[in-house]
Amino acid sequence: MLKHLNIGPKSPKRVVILGANGFIGSRTKTLLESHEINHLSLTRDEIDLTSENSSANLLDLINENDTLVFISAKAPVKNEDMLLENLVMGRNVCRAIKTKPVSHLIYISSDAVYSDSDKPLTEASPAEPTSLHGVMHLAREVMLKNAYSGSLCVLRPTLIFGDQDPHNGYGPNSFLRLALTGKDLKLFGEGEERRDHIWIEDVCKIILKTILHKSTGTLNITSGTLLSFREIAEQVASSLNNNTKVITTPRSGPMPHNGYRAFDIANTKLAFPDFQFKNLNYWLEHSKLIKQEQASYVRS
């Protein structure tokens, strides 16, 4: 769970974002701008964390009173080469903060660090990843903890949905892209597996809260709501004025996570008792992608 070092929300001297062009990083940058928080947004163009001299370059860019938000990753990790690249990135960040410890470090990890469970997962659940992606994040968490003795916050979001998602994984994002082109939504099996998904804007709002409260500890960023993939597909299809259908296909392998990936969000409620997560329908009602498609219907 989290501990807040600031009694109330307080803007830091500066926030440095590593990975400011990514899905999470770009939204976090926009949120900082809207709150007029001083920040430095670093993309791969400014600093390539896989390069040997990147730790020295990072030393020139960070200050000891900074809040550093480490999001940069080559993800999802699909093979051993990608795993090693991400570990090199983690090593280079560790080298920099060993020499110049920042005031606050926030690492954006993943719920992939947890093994499967037939009970809702918590921050105390065993971190026993079964994927290379989970191995990467857990390894970088351990690396940072060994390199940095200051105020460390580790955030572990579950699968994220939202406009402009670059990964297009099976679920809300790919379903919407298919539906916007009038294609049918093909489910694996009956789409009966249930899991938690989280809206990108909620992820970034939690990140902002941990920045303002100078939070330390570990927190899962999850909504606490389970939906089956069939329910997700049906909600997406019904949000559009076209003939998109939801169809089933024979399942060729076992269901991921044994068909169940739930989370207990009690620690989130303790840390941020007034925070309300938005559901899938809220995103669909406010999605710019859908609004653009609806506008095209009107023009035609």
Protein backbone atom coordinates (compact mmCIF):
# COMPACT_ATOMS: atom_id res chain seq x y z
CA MET A 1 0.00 0.00 0.00
CA LEU A 2 0.98 3.64 -0.24
CA LYS A 3 2.25 6.12 2.31
CA HIS A 4 1.87 9.83 1.55
CA LEU A 5 4.85 11.95 2.57
CA ASN A 6 2.95 15.16 1.79
CA ILE A 7 0.06 15.76 4.17
CA GLY A 8 -1.87 17.41 1.36
CA PRO A 9 -1.31 17.63 -2.41
CA LYS A 10 1.73 19.73 -3.22
CA SER A 11 3.44 20.32 -6.56
CA PRO A 12 7.09 19.25 -6.66
CA LYS A 13 9.84 21.52 -7.92
CA ARG A 14 9.85 19.65 -11.21
CA VAL A 15 8.65 16.38 -12.70
CA VAL A 16 10.87 14.57 -15.20
CA ILE A 17 9.11 12.01 -17.40
CA LEU A 18 11.16 9.24 -19.00
CA GLY A 19 9.06 7.98 -21.90
CA ALA A 20 7.00 11.09 -22.57
CA ASN A 21 5.92 10.03 -26.09
CA GLY A 22 4.33 6.76 -25.03
CA PHE A 23 0.69 5.99 -24.30
CA ILE A 24 1.01 6.66 -20.55
CA GLY A 25 3.77 9.26 -20.79
CA SER A 26 1.99 11.53 -23.27
CA ARG A 27 -1.21 11.55 -21.20
CA THR A 28 0.76 12.21 -18.02
CA LYS A 29 2.48 15.14 -19.72
CA THR A 30 -0.89 16.59 -20.75
CA LEU A 31 -2.19 16.23 -17.20
CA LEU A 32 0.87 18.00 -15.75
CA GLU A 33 0.39 20.82 -18.24
CA SER A 34 -3.27 21.21 -17.30
CA HIS A 35 -2.25 21.54 -13.63
CA GLU A 36 0.58 23.96 -14.51
CA ILE A 37 3.19 21.69 -12.92
CA ASN A 38 6.77 22.34 -13.98
CA HIS A 39 8.04 19.35 -15.92
CA LEU A 40 10.67 18.07 -18.33
CA SER A 41 9.41 15.57 -20.89
CA LEU A 42 12.10 13.25 -22.21
CA THR A 43 11.52 11.06 -25.25
CA ARG A 44 13.83 8.66 -27.06
CA ASP A 45 14.95 11.59 -29.23
CA GLU A 46 16.30 13.39 -26.17
CA ILE A 47 17.74 10.33 -24.46
CA ASP A 48 18.01 6.75 -25.72
CA LEU A 49 18.18 4.68 -22.54
CA THR A 50 19.54 1.68 -24.43
CA SER A 51 22.74 3.54 -25.33
CA GLU A 52 25.86 3.12 -23.21
CA ASN A 53 26.23 6.84 -22.50
CA SER A 54 22.60 7.41 -21.53
CA SER A 55 23.27 7.30 -17.78
CA ALA A 56 25.76 10.16 -18.14
CA ASN A 57 23.28 12.06 -20.31
CA LEU A 58 20.52 11.53 -17.75
CA LEU A 59 22.80 12.84 -15.01
CA ASP A 60 23.05 16.12 -16.91
CA LEU A 61 19.27 16.37 -17.17
CA ILE A 62 18.02 15.50 -13.67
CA ASN A 63 18.27 17.41 -10.40
CA GLU A 64 18.24 16.11 -6.86
CA ASN A 65 14.92 17.86 -6.10
CA ASP A 66 13.14 16.30 -9.10
CA THR A 67 10.32 13.80 -9.14
CA LEU A 68 11.37 11.23 -11.74
CA VAL A 69 8.61 9.22 -13.44
CA PHE A 70 10.17 6.21 -15.17
CA ILE A 71 7.80 4.91 -17.86
CA SER A 72 10.20 4.12 -20.73
CA ALA A 73 9.97 0.54 -21.93
CA LYS A 74 9.95 -1.46 -25.12
CA ALA A 75 6.70 -3.29 -24.58
CA PRO A 76 5.13 -5.71 -24.53
CA VAL A 77 8.21 -7.88 -24.15
CA LYS A 78 7.90 -10.68 -26.69
CA ASN A 79 11.36 -12.27 -26.70
CA GLU A 80 14.68 -12.49 -24.89
CA ASP A 81 16.26 -9.66 -26.90
CA MET A 82 13.50 -7.27 -25.88
CA LEU A 83 13.89 -8.39 -22.27
CA LEU A 84 17.61 -7.62 -22.33
CA GLU A 85 17.04 -4.22 -23.96
CA ASN A 86 14.62 -3.24 -21.20
CA LEU A 87 17.02 -4.41 -18.50
CA VAL A 88 19.77 -2.27 -20.05
CA MET A 89 17.39 0.71 -19.87
CA GLY A 90 16.75 -0.05 -16.21
CA ARG A 91 20.46 -0.41 -15.51
CA ASN A 92 21.23 2.98 -17.05
CA VAL A 93 18.54 4.72 -15.01
CA CYS A 94 19.89 3.01 -11.88
CA ARG A 95 23.42 4.22 -12.63
CA ALA A 96 22.19 7.81 -12.88
CA ILE A 97 20.11 7.85 -9.70
CA LYS A 98 22.87 6.15 -7.73
CA THR A 99 25.11 9.10 -8.52
CA LYS A 100 22.39 11.76 -8.23
CA PRO A 101 19.41 10.52 -6.18
CA VAL A 102 16.22 12.37 -7.04
CA SER A 103 13.71 13.50 -4.42
CA HIS A 104 10.98 11.11 -5.54
CA LEU A 105 11.00 8.18 -7.95
CA ILE A 106 7.87 6.70 -9.52
CA TYR A 107 8.18 3.53 -11.56
CA ILE A 108 5.34 2.42 -13.84
CA SER A 109 5.38 -1.37 -13.71
CA SER A 110 2.63 -3.84 -14.62
CA ASP A 111 0.24 -6.33 -13.07
CA ALA A 112 2.08 -8.92 -15.19
CA VAL A 113 4.44 -9.36 -12.22
CA TYR A 114 1.72 -11.48 -10.53
CA SER A 115 1.05 -15.13 -11.17
CA ASP A 116 -2.45 -16.43 -11.83
CA SER A 117 -4.86 -16.65 -8.93
CA ASP A 118 -8.43 -17.81 -8.39
CA LYS A 119 -8.81 -15.02 -5.82
CA PRO A 120 -8.62 -11.23 -6.32
CA LEU A 121 -5.01 -10.06 -6.41
CA THR A 122 -3.62 -7.51 -3.97
CA GLU A 123 -0.30 -5.72 -3.60
CA ALA A 124 0.68 -8.51 -1.17
CA SER A 125 0.08 -11.27 -3.73
CA PRO A 126 3.21 -13.20 -4.76
CA ALA A 127 5.15 -11.55 -7.58
CA GLU A 128 5.85 -14.66 -9.65
CA PRO A 129 5.60 -13.63 -13.31
CA THR A 130 4.95 -16.24 -15.98
CA SER A 131 5.67 -13.96 -18.96
CA LEU A 132 8.84 -12.24 -20.13
CA HIS A 133 6.97 -8.95 -19.84
CA GLY A 134 6.29 -9.61 -16.18
CA VAL A 135 9.87 -10.77 -15.61
CA MET A 136 11.14 -7.51 -17.11
CA HIS A 137 9.04 -5.30 -14.86
CA LEU A 138 9.77 -7.26 -11.71
CA ALA A 139 13.50 -7.24 -12.46
CA ARG A 140 13.45 -3.46 -13.00
CA GLU A 141 11.51 -3.00 -9.75
CA VAL A 142 14.20 -4.93 -7.86
CA MET A 143 16.99 -3.05 -9.65
CA LEU A 144 15.51 0.31 -8.67
CA LYS A 145 15.00 -0.75 -5.06
CA ASN A 146 18.63 -1.81 -4.84
CA ALA A 147 19.94 1.36 -6.51
CA TYR A 148 17.73 3.93 -4.80
CA SER A 149 17.10 4.34 -1.09
CA GLY A 150 14.87 7.40 -1.36
CA SER A 151 11.12 7.84 -1.77
CA LEU A 152 10.11 5.12 -4.25
CA CYS A 153 6.61 4.50 -5.58
CA VAL A 154 5.86 1.46 -7.76
CA LEU A 155 2.58 1.51 -9.70
CA ARG A 156 1.29 -1.66 -11.36
CA PRO A 157 -1.51 -0.97 -13.86
CA THR A 158 -3.54 -3.78 -15.37
CA LEU A 159 -4.50 -3.82 -19.09
CA ILE A 160 -5.13 -0.26 -20.24
CA PHE A 161 -7.74 0.91 -22.73
CA GLY A 162 -8.24 4.32 -24.32
CA ASP A 163 -7.94 6.36 -27.49
CA GLN A 164 -4.62 6.12 -29.35
CA ASP A 165 -3.44 2.96 -27.61
CA PRO A 166 -0.43 1.74 -29.65
CA HIS A 167 -0.55 -1.95 -28.72
CA ASN A 168 -3.94 -2.98 -30.15
CA GLY A 169 -4.14 -6.04 -27.93
CA TYR A 170 -7.20 -8.28 -27.80
CA GLY A 171 -9.86 -6.41 -25.88
CA PRO A 172 -11.38 -2.90 -25.80
CA ASN A 173 -8.82 -1.18 -28.03
CA SER A 174 -8.75 -3.71 -30.86
CA PHE A 175 -12.51 -4.24 -30.64
CA LEU A 176 -13.13 -0.52 -31.13
CA ARG A 177 -10.71 -0.27 -34.05
CA LEU A 178 -12.42 -3.18 -35.78
CA ALA A 179 -15.90 -1.83 -35.07
CA LEU A 180 -15.01 1.61 -36.43
CA THR A 181 -14.23 -0.04 -39.78
CA GLY A 182 -17.44 -2.06 -39.72
CA LYS A 183 -15.70 -5.37 -39.10
CA ASP A 184 -17.13 -8.10 -36.90
CA LEU A 185 -15.66 -8.68 -33.45
CA LYS A 186 -14.30 -12.21 -33.23
CA LEU A 187 -14.06 -13.65 -29.77
CA PHE A 188 -11.75 -16.43 -28.64
CA GLY A 189 -14.21 -19.15 -27.73
CA GLU A 190 -17.30 -17.59 -26.18
CA GLY A 191 -15.34 -14.66 -24.79
CA GLU A 192 -16.19 -15.96 -21.35
CA GLU A 193 -12.93 -15.11 -19.58
CA ARG A 194 -13.27 -12.23 -17.13
CA ARG A 195 -10.68 -9.68 -16.16
CA ASP A 196 -10.09 -6.11 -15.04
CA HIS A 197 -9.27 -3.31 -17.48
CA ILE A 198 -8.38 0.31 -16.68
CA TRP A 199 -8.93 3.56 -18.59
CA ILE A 200 -5.75 5.45 -19.53
CA GLU A 201 -7.05 8.70 -18.02
CA ASP A 202 -7.59 7.01 -14.65
CA VAL A 203 -4.07 5.57 -14.77
CA CYS A 204 -2.59 9.03 -15.31
CA LYS A 205 -4.78 10.63 -12.63
CA ILE A 206 -3.44 8.10 -10.12
CA ILE A 207 0.11 8.90 -11.26
CA LEU A 208 -0.60 12.60 -10.72
CA LYS A 209 -1.96 11.93 -7.24
CA THR A 210 1.17 9.99 -6.27
CA ILE A 211 3.27 12.90 -7.56
CA LEU A 212 1.35 15.51 -5.57
CA HIS A 213 1.24 13.42 -2.38
CA LYS A 214 4.85 12.23 -2.76
CA SER A 215 3.58 8.70 -2.27
CA THR A 216 5.82 5.75 -1.50
CA GLY A 217 5.16 2.03 -1.61
CA THR A 218 3.39 -0.18 -4.15
CA LEU A 219 -0.08 0.18 -5.62
CA ASN A 220 -2.00 -1.72 -8.27
CA ILE A 221 -3.86 0.56 -10.68
CA THR A 222 -7.02 -1.43 -11.35
CA SER A 223 -10.72 -0.59 -11.42
CA GLY A 224 -11.95 -3.48 -9.29
CA THR A 225 -14.55 -4.30 -11.97
CA LEU A 226 -14.65 -7.58 -13.90
CA LEU A 227 -16.00 -7.82 -17.44
CA SER A 228 -15.99 -10.76 -19.79
CA PHE A 229 -14.59 -10.19 -23.26
CA ARG A 230 -18.06 -10.90 -24.62
CA GLU A 231 -19.47 -8.07 -22.48
CA ILE A 232 -16.69 -5.76 -23.68
CA ALA A 233 -17.30 -6.62 -27.32
CA GLU A 234 -21.06 -6.17 -26.98
CA GLN A 235 -20.62 -2.76 -25.33
CA VAL A 236 -18.26 -1.65 -28.10
CA ALA A 237 -20.56 -2.90 -30.87
CA SER A 238 -23.62 -1.21 -29.36
CA SER A 239 -21.78 2.12 -29.08
CA LEU A 240 -21.67 2.50 -32.89
CA ASN A 241 -24.38 2.99 -35.46
CA ASN A 242 -23.22 0.27 -37.82
CA ASN A 243 -23.76 -3.42 -38.34
CA THR A 244 -20.82 -4.72 -36.33
CA LYS A 245 -21.56 -8.19 -34.97
CA VAL A 246 -19.99 -10.13 -32.13
CA ILE A 247 -19.14 -13.66 -33.23
CA THR A 248 -17.49 -16.60 -31.51
CA THR A 249 -14.67 -18.78 -32.81
CA PRO A 250 -13.27 -22.12 -31.64
CA ARG A 251 -10.70 -21.66 -28.91
CA SER A 252 -7.32 -23.13 -29.89
CA GLY A 253 -5.60 -22.94 -26.51
CA PRO A 254 -6.18 -22.42 -22.79
CA MET A 255 -7.73 -19.20 -21.54
CA PRO A 256 -5.17 -16.63 -20.33
CA HIS A 257 -4.99 -16.46 -16.52
CA ASN A 258 -7.36 -19.46 -16.42
CA GLY A 259 -10.13 -17.11 -17.44
CA TYR A 260 -9.99 -14.93 -14.32
CA ARG A 261 -7.95 -11.83 -13.45
CA ALA A 262 -9.51 -9.87 -10.60
CA PHE A 263 -8.12 -7.32 -8.13
CA ASP A 264 -8.99 -6.13 -4.64
CA ILE A 265 -8.75 -2.32 -4.71
CA ALA A 266 -8.98 -1.78 -0.93
CA ASN A 267 -5.54 -0.15 -0.84
CA THR A 268 -6.51 2.29 -3.58
CA LYS A 269 -9.57 3.31 -1.57
CA LEU A 270 -7.37 3.83 1.49
CA ALA A 271 -4.81 5.88 -0.43
CA PHE A 272 -7.30 7.95 -2.46
CA PRO A 273 -10.75 7.55 -0.85
CA ASP A 274 -12.45 10.11 -3.11
CA PHE A 275 -11.20 8.65 -6.39
CA GLN A 276 -13.85 7.18 -8.68
CA PHE A 277 -12.84 4.94 -11.58
CA LYS A 278 -14.65 5.39 -14.89
CA ASN A 279 -16.08 2.30 -16.58
CA LEU A 280 -15.84 1.11 -20.16
CA ASN A 281 -19.11 2.74 -21.18
CA TYR A 282 -17.83 6.10 -19.95
CA TRP A 283 -14.87 5.82 -22.32
CA LEU A 284 -17.10 4.78 -25.20
CA GLU A 285 -19.39 7.75 -24.56
CA HIS A 286 -16.44 10.18 -24.54
CA SER A 287 -14.09 8.55 -27.07
CA LYS A 288 -12.84 11.03 -29.65
CA LEU A 289 -12.52 8.16 -32.11
CA ILE A 290 -16.25 7.43 -31.88
CA LYS A 291 -17.15 11.12 -32.00
CA GLN A 292 -15.11 11.48 -35.20
CA GLU A 293 -16.88 8.47 -36.71
CA GLN A 294 -20.29 9.82 -35.71
CA ALA A 295 -19.39 13.20 -37.25
CA SER A 296 -18.53 11.44 -40.51
CA TYR A 297 -22.02 9.83 -40.50
CA VAL A 298 -23.57 13.32 -40.24
CA ARG A 299 -21.39 14.74 -43.04
CA SER A 300 -22.24 11.86 -45.34
